[in-house]
Amino acid sequence: MADTPYAPSRIRALPSWLLGRAAARGHRLVAEALAAEGMRMMHHAVLCAVAELGPVSQAELGRTVGIDPKDMVAIVNDLQKDGLVTRTPDAKDRRKNAIEISAEGKRRLRRTERLGDAANAELTAALSDEERAQLVALLTRIVTPGE
């Protein structure tokens, strides 16, 4: 942990500290990988959600991903400006916008998913395939207790 700030041994043994350090490293690796494609992490998350949920109203997209409506407007504007999503009036409620991934958005998403996968592989490179699967299962239980 050469680039990790000093922490007393008692702190370094805490799961919360280790998870925080691992999350910070993972965030850095993924952010750097996505930047190679000109994509920020929140934009990537929204593009993934649109691909999975779309067409989806902008308001529902924000609630689902947990992004403030003002921030969601800016992210969707950026994605639309880059030709990655389309925003059209919702056929069911013309007061709402329906967001859908474009063909270029699908192509970019495939590339950014590969970059994210490579960054996550680097993050977990010290683990075997079995350990990686076990880590994901354990972290899932921590993130969603009781489910």
C-alpha atoms as a PDB file:
ATOM      1  CA  MET A   1       0.000   0.000   0.000  1.00  0.00           C
ATOM      2  CA  ALA A   2       2.770   2.380  -1.008  1.00  0.00           C
ATOM      3  CA  ASP A   3       0.546   5.232  -2.205  1.00  0.00           C
ATOM      4  CA  THR A   4      -1.841   4.889   0.742  1.00  0.00           C
ATOM      5  CA  PRO A   5      -1.491   7.442   3.535  1.00  0.00           C
ATOM      6  CA  TYR A   6      -0.266   6.193   6.869  1.00  0.00           C
ATOM      7  CA  ALA A   7      -2.860   4.702   9.183  1.00  0.00           C
ATOM      8  CA  PRO A   8      -2.218   2.989  12.528  1.00  0.00           C
ATOM      9  CA  SER A   9      -2.233  -0.818  12.382  1.00  0.00           C
ATOM     10  CA  ARG A  10      -5.528  -0.945  14.301  1.00  0.00           C
ATOM     11  CA  ILE A  11      -7.162   1.204  11.615  1.00  0.00           C
ATOM     12  CA  ARG A  12      -5.558  -0.730   8.722  1.00  0.00           C
ATOM     13  CA  ALA A  13      -7.228  -3.906  10.027  1.00  0.00           C
ATOM     14  CA  LEU A  14     -10.761  -2.462   9.897  1.00  0.00           C
ATOM     15  CA  PRO A  15     -12.983  -3.655   7.041  1.00  0.00           C
ATOM     16  CA  SER A  16     -14.381  -0.129   6.646  1.00  0.00           C
ATOM     17  CA  TRP A  17     -10.879   1.311   6.143  1.00  0.00           C
ATOM     18  CA  LEU A  18      -9.890  -1.452   3.713  1.00  0.00           C
ATOM     19  CA  LEU A  19     -13.118  -1.071   1.741  1.00  0.00           C
ATOM     20  CA  GLY A  20     -12.565   2.671   1.524  1.00  0.00           C
ATOM     21  CA  ARG A  21      -9.011   2.254   0.257  1.00  0.00           C
ATOM     22  CA  ALA A  22     -10.067  -0.428  -2.232  1.00  0.00           C
ATOM     23  CA  ALA A  23     -12.944   1.777  -3.422  1.00  0.00           C
ATOM     24  CA  ALA A  24     -10.625   4.758  -3.861  1.00  0.00           C
ATOM     25  CA  ARG A  25      -8.168   2.670  -5.899  1.00  0.00           C
ATOM     26  CA  GLY A  26     -10.960   1.148  -7.975  1.00  0.00           C
ATOM     27  CA  HIS A  27     -12.488   4.564  -8.596  1.00  0.00           C
ATOM     28  CA  ARG A  28      -9.133   5.934  -9.731  1.00  0.00           C
ATOM     29  CA  LEU A  29      -8.454   2.980 -12.053  1.00  0.00           C
ATOM     30  CA  VAL A  30     -11.899   3.086 -13.646  1.00  0.00           C
ATOM     31  CA  ALA A  31     -11.918   6.888 -13.968  1.00  0.00           C
ATOM     32  CA  GLU A  32      -8.529   6.793 -15.703  1.00  0.00           C
ATOM     33  CA  ALA A  33      -9.663   3.992 -18.022  1.00  0.00           C
ATOM     34  CA  LEU A  34     -12.904   5.756 -18.982  1.00  0.00           C
ATOM     35  CA  ALA A  35     -11.047   9.030 -19.539  1.00  0.00           C
ATOM     36  CA  ALA A  36      -9.187   7.303 -22.383  1.00  0.00           C
ATOM     37  CA  GLU A  37     -12.560   7.197 -24.145  1.00  0.00           C
ATOM     38  CA  GLY A  38     -13.496  10.743 -23.085  1.00  0.00           C
ATOM     39  CA  MET A  39     -16.075   9.477 -20.591  1.00  0.00           C
ATOM     40  CA  ARG A  40     -16.609  10.417 -16.945  1.00  0.00           C
ATOM     41  CA  MET A  41     -17.822   7.826 -14.447  1.00  0.00           C
ATOM     42  CA  MET A  42     -21.252   9.352 -13.811  1.00  0.00           C
ATOM     43  CA  HIS A  43     -21.829   9.717 -17.544  1.00  0.00           C
ATOM     44  CA  HIS A  44     -20.877   6.069 -17.992  1.00  0.00           C
ATOM     45  CA  ALA A  45     -23.261   5.022 -15.197  1.00  0.00           C
ATOM     46  CA  VAL A  46     -26.118   6.992 -16.755  1.00  0.00           C
ATOM     47  CA  LEU A  47     -25.376   5.606 -20.217  1.00  0.00           C
ATOM     48  CA  CYS A  48     -25.404   2.062 -18.762  1.00  0.00           C
ATOM     49  CA  ALA A  49     -28.730   2.764 -17.054  1.00  0.00           C
ATOM     50  CA  VAL A  50     -30.275   4.180 -20.224  1.00  0.00           C
ATOM     51  CA  ALA A  51     -29.128   1.105 -22.149  1.00  0.00           C
ATOM     52  CA  GLU A  52     -30.691  -1.160 -19.527  1.00  0.00           C
ATOM     53  CA  LEU A  53     -33.893   0.790 -18.805  1.00  0.00           C
ATOM     54  CA  GLY A  54     -34.549   2.849 -21.921  1.00  0.00           C
ATOM     55  CA  PRO A  55     -36.499   4.410 -23.176  1.00  0.00           C
ATOM     56  CA  VAL A  56     -36.850   5.949 -19.745  1.00  0.00           C
ATOM     57  CA  SER A  57     -38.066   9.315 -18.522  1.00  0.00           C
ATOM     58  CA  GLN A  58     -35.352  11.669 -17.377  1.00  0.00           C
ATOM     59  CA  ALA A  59     -36.992  11.945 -13.935  1.00  0.00           C
ATOM     60  CA  GLU A  60     -37.188   8.158 -13.519  1.00  0.00           C
ATOM     61  CA  LEU A  61     -33.594   7.818 -14.684  1.00  0.00           C
ATOM     62  CA  GLY A  62     -32.462  10.289 -12.025  1.00  0.00           C
ATOM     63  CA  ARG A  63     -34.418   8.525  -9.278  1.00  0.00           C
ATOM     64  CA  THR A  64     -33.166   5.095 -10.333  1.00  0.00           C
ATOM     65  CA  VAL A  65     -29.498   6.077 -10.503  1.00  0.00           C
ATOM     66  CA  GLY A  66     -29.762   8.393  -7.485  1.00  0.00           C
ATOM     67  CA  ILE A  67     -28.659  11.582  -9.211  1.00  0.00           C
ATOM     68  CA  ASP A  68     -30.021  15.016  -8.360  1.00  0.00           C
ATOM     69  CA  PRO A  69     -32.364  16.293 -11.118  1.00  0.00           C
ATOM     70  CA  LYS A  70     -30.152  19.328 -11.860  1.00  0.00           C
ATOM     71  CA  ASP A  71     -27.116  17.106 -12.276  1.00  0.00           C
ATOM     72  CA  MET A  72     -29.101  14.637 -14.385  1.00  0.00           C
ATOM     73  CA  VAL A  73     -30.079  17.419 -16.808  1.00  0.00           C
ATOM     74  CA  ALA A  74     -26.411  18.340 -17.276  1.00  0.00           C
ATOM     75  CA  ILE A  75     -25.326  14.711 -17.749  1.00  0.00           C
ATOM     76  CA  VAL A  76     -28.091  13.980 -20.266  1.00  0.00           C
ATOM     77  CA  ASN A  77     -27.261  17.230 -22.077  1.00  0.00           C
ATOM     78  CA  ASP A  78     -23.627  16.117 -22.351  1.00  0.00           C
ATOM     79  CA  LEU A  79     -24.576  12.621 -23.537  1.00  0.00           C
ATOM     80  CA  GLN A  80     -27.024  14.058 -26.074  1.00  0.00           C
ATOM     81  CA  LYS A  81     -24.451  16.614 -27.315  1.00  0.00           C
ATOM     82  CA  ASP A  82     -22.025  13.718 -27.895  1.00  0.00           C
ATOM     83  CA  GLY A  83     -24.713  11.808 -29.819  1.00  0.00           C
ATOM     84  CA  LEU A  84     -24.855   8.997 -27.253  1.00  0.00           C
ATOM     85  CA  VAL A  85     -28.517   9.370 -26.266  1.00  0.00           C
ATOM     86  CA  THR A  86     -31.662  10.828 -27.750  1.00  0.00           C
ATOM     87  CA  ARG A  87     -34.189  12.851 -25.786  1.00  0.00           C
ATOM     88  CA  THR A  88     -37.714  12.980 -27.167  1.00  0.00           C
ATOM     89  CA  PRO A  89     -41.094  13.817 -25.685  1.00  0.00           C
ATOM     90  CA  ASP A  90     -42.477  10.768 -23.862  1.00  0.00           C
ATOM     91  CA  ALA A  91     -45.337   9.242 -25.874  1.00  0.00           C
ATOM     92  CA  LYS A  92     -47.284   8.530 -22.652  1.00  0.00           C
ATOM     93  CA  ASP A  93     -46.764  11.960 -21.095  1.00  0.00           C
ATOM     94  CA  ARG A  94     -45.650  14.788 -23.404  1.00  0.00           C
ATOM     95  CA  ARG A  95     -44.502  16.826 -20.352  1.00  0.00           C
ATOM     96  CA  LYS A  96     -41.688  14.323 -19.821  1.00  0.00           C
ATOM     97  CA  ASN A  97     -38.644  13.464 -21.894  1.00  0.00           C
ATOM     98  CA  ALA A  98     -37.875   9.886 -22.876  1.00  0.00           C
ATOM     99  CA  ILE A  99     -34.156   9.130 -22.951  1.00  0.00           C
ATOM    100  CA  GLU A 100     -32.892   6.358 -25.214  1.00  0.00           C
ATOM    101  CA  ILE A 101     -29.418   5.177 -26.142  1.00  0.00           C
ATOM    102  CA  SER A 102     -28.344   5.875 -29.724  1.00  0.00           C
ATOM    103  CA  ALA A 103     -26.414   3.555 -32.030  1.00  0.00           C
ATOM    104  CA  GLU A 104     -23.253   5.579 -31.284  1.00  0.00           C
ATOM    105  CA  GLY A 105     -24.078   5.325 -27.572  1.00  0.00           C
ATOM    106  CA  LYS A 106     -24.208   1.537 -27.859  1.00  0.00           C
ATOM    107  CA  ARG A 107     -20.823   1.494 -29.616  1.00  0.00           C
ATOM    108  CA  ARG A 108     -19.259   3.817 -27.018  1.00  0.00           C
ATOM    109  CA  LEU A 109     -20.786   1.802 -24.170  1.00  0.00           C
ATOM    110  CA  ARG A 110     -19.238  -1.416 -25.489  1.00  0.00           C
ATOM    111  CA  ARG A 111     -15.829   0.292 -25.534  1.00  0.00           C
ATOM    112  CA  THR A 112     -16.189   1.861 -22.078  1.00  0.00           C
ATOM    113  CA  GLU A 113     -17.453  -1.407 -20.589  1.00  0.00           C
ATOM    114  CA  ARG A 114     -14.317  -3.149 -21.889  1.00  0.00           C
ATOM    115  CA  LEU A 115     -12.167  -0.401 -20.369  1.00  0.00           C
ATOM    116  CA  GLY A 116     -14.025  -0.659 -17.052  1.00  0.00           C
ATOM    117  CA  ASP A 117     -13.665  -4.432 -17.070  1.00  0.00           C
ATOM    118  CA  ALA A 118      -9.921  -4.107 -17.669  1.00  0.00           C
ATOM    119  CA  ALA A 119      -9.623  -1.606 -14.789  1.00  0.00           C
ATOM    120  CA  ASN A 120     -11.526  -3.941 -12.481  1.00  0.00           C
ATOM    121  CA  ALA A 121      -9.315  -6.836 -13.582  1.00  0.00           C
ATOM    122  CA  GLU A 122      -6.289  -4.721 -12.626  1.00  0.00           C
ATOM    123  CA  LEU A 123      -7.901  -3.905  -9.274  1.00  0.00           C
ATOM    124  CA  THR A 124      -8.412  -7.596  -8.492  1.00  0.00           C
ATOM    125  CA  ALA A 125      -5.325  -8.952 -10.260  1.00  0.00           C
ATOM    126  CA  ALA A 126      -3.938 -10.421  -7.023  1.00  0.00           C
ATOM    127  CA  LEU A 127      -7.011 -12.671  -6.716  1.00  0.00           C
ATOM    128  CA  SER A 128      -7.847 -15.934  -8.421  1.00  0.00           C
ATOM    129  CA  ASP A 129     -11.070 -16.209 -10.440  1.00  0.00           C
ATOM    130  CA  GLU A 130     -12.669 -18.010  -7.499  1.00  0.00           C
ATOM    131  CA  GLU A 131     -11.516 -15.347  -5.042  1.00  0.00           C
ATOM    132  CA  ARG A 132     -12.805 -12.612  -7.361  1.00  0.00           C
ATOM    133  CA  ALA A 133     -16.239 -14.247  -7.467  1.00  0.00           C
ATOM    134  CA  GLN A 134     -16.186 -14.674  -3.682  1.00  0.00           C
ATOM    135  CA  LEU A 135     -15.197 -11.010  -3.214  1.00  0.00           C
ATOM    136  CA  VAL A 136     -18.085  -9.839  -5.389  1.00  0.00           C
ATOM    137  CA  ALA A 137     -20.513 -12.090  -3.487  1.00  0.00           C
ATOM    138  CA  LEU A 138     -19.278 -10.827  -0.113  1.00  0.00           C
ATOM    139  CA  LEU A 139     -19.335  -7.173  -1.164  1.00  0.00           C
ATOM    140  CA  THR A 140     -22.851  -7.631  -2.537  1.00  0.00           C
ATOM    141  CA  ARG A 141     -23.961  -8.924   0.861  1.00  0.00           C
ATOM    142  CA  ILE A 142     -22.349  -5.927   2.561  1.00  0.00           C
ATOM    143  CA  VAL A 143     -23.885  -3.412   0.157  1.00  0.00           C
ATOM    144  CA  THR A 144     -27.365  -4.968   0.244  1.00  0.00           C
ATOM    145  CA  PRO A 145     -27.797  -6.519   3.713  1.00  0.00           C
ATOM    146  CA  GLY A 146     -30.890  -8.633   4.218  1.00  0.00           C
ATOM    147  CA  GLU A 147     -31.641  -9.089   0.519  1.00  0.00           C
END
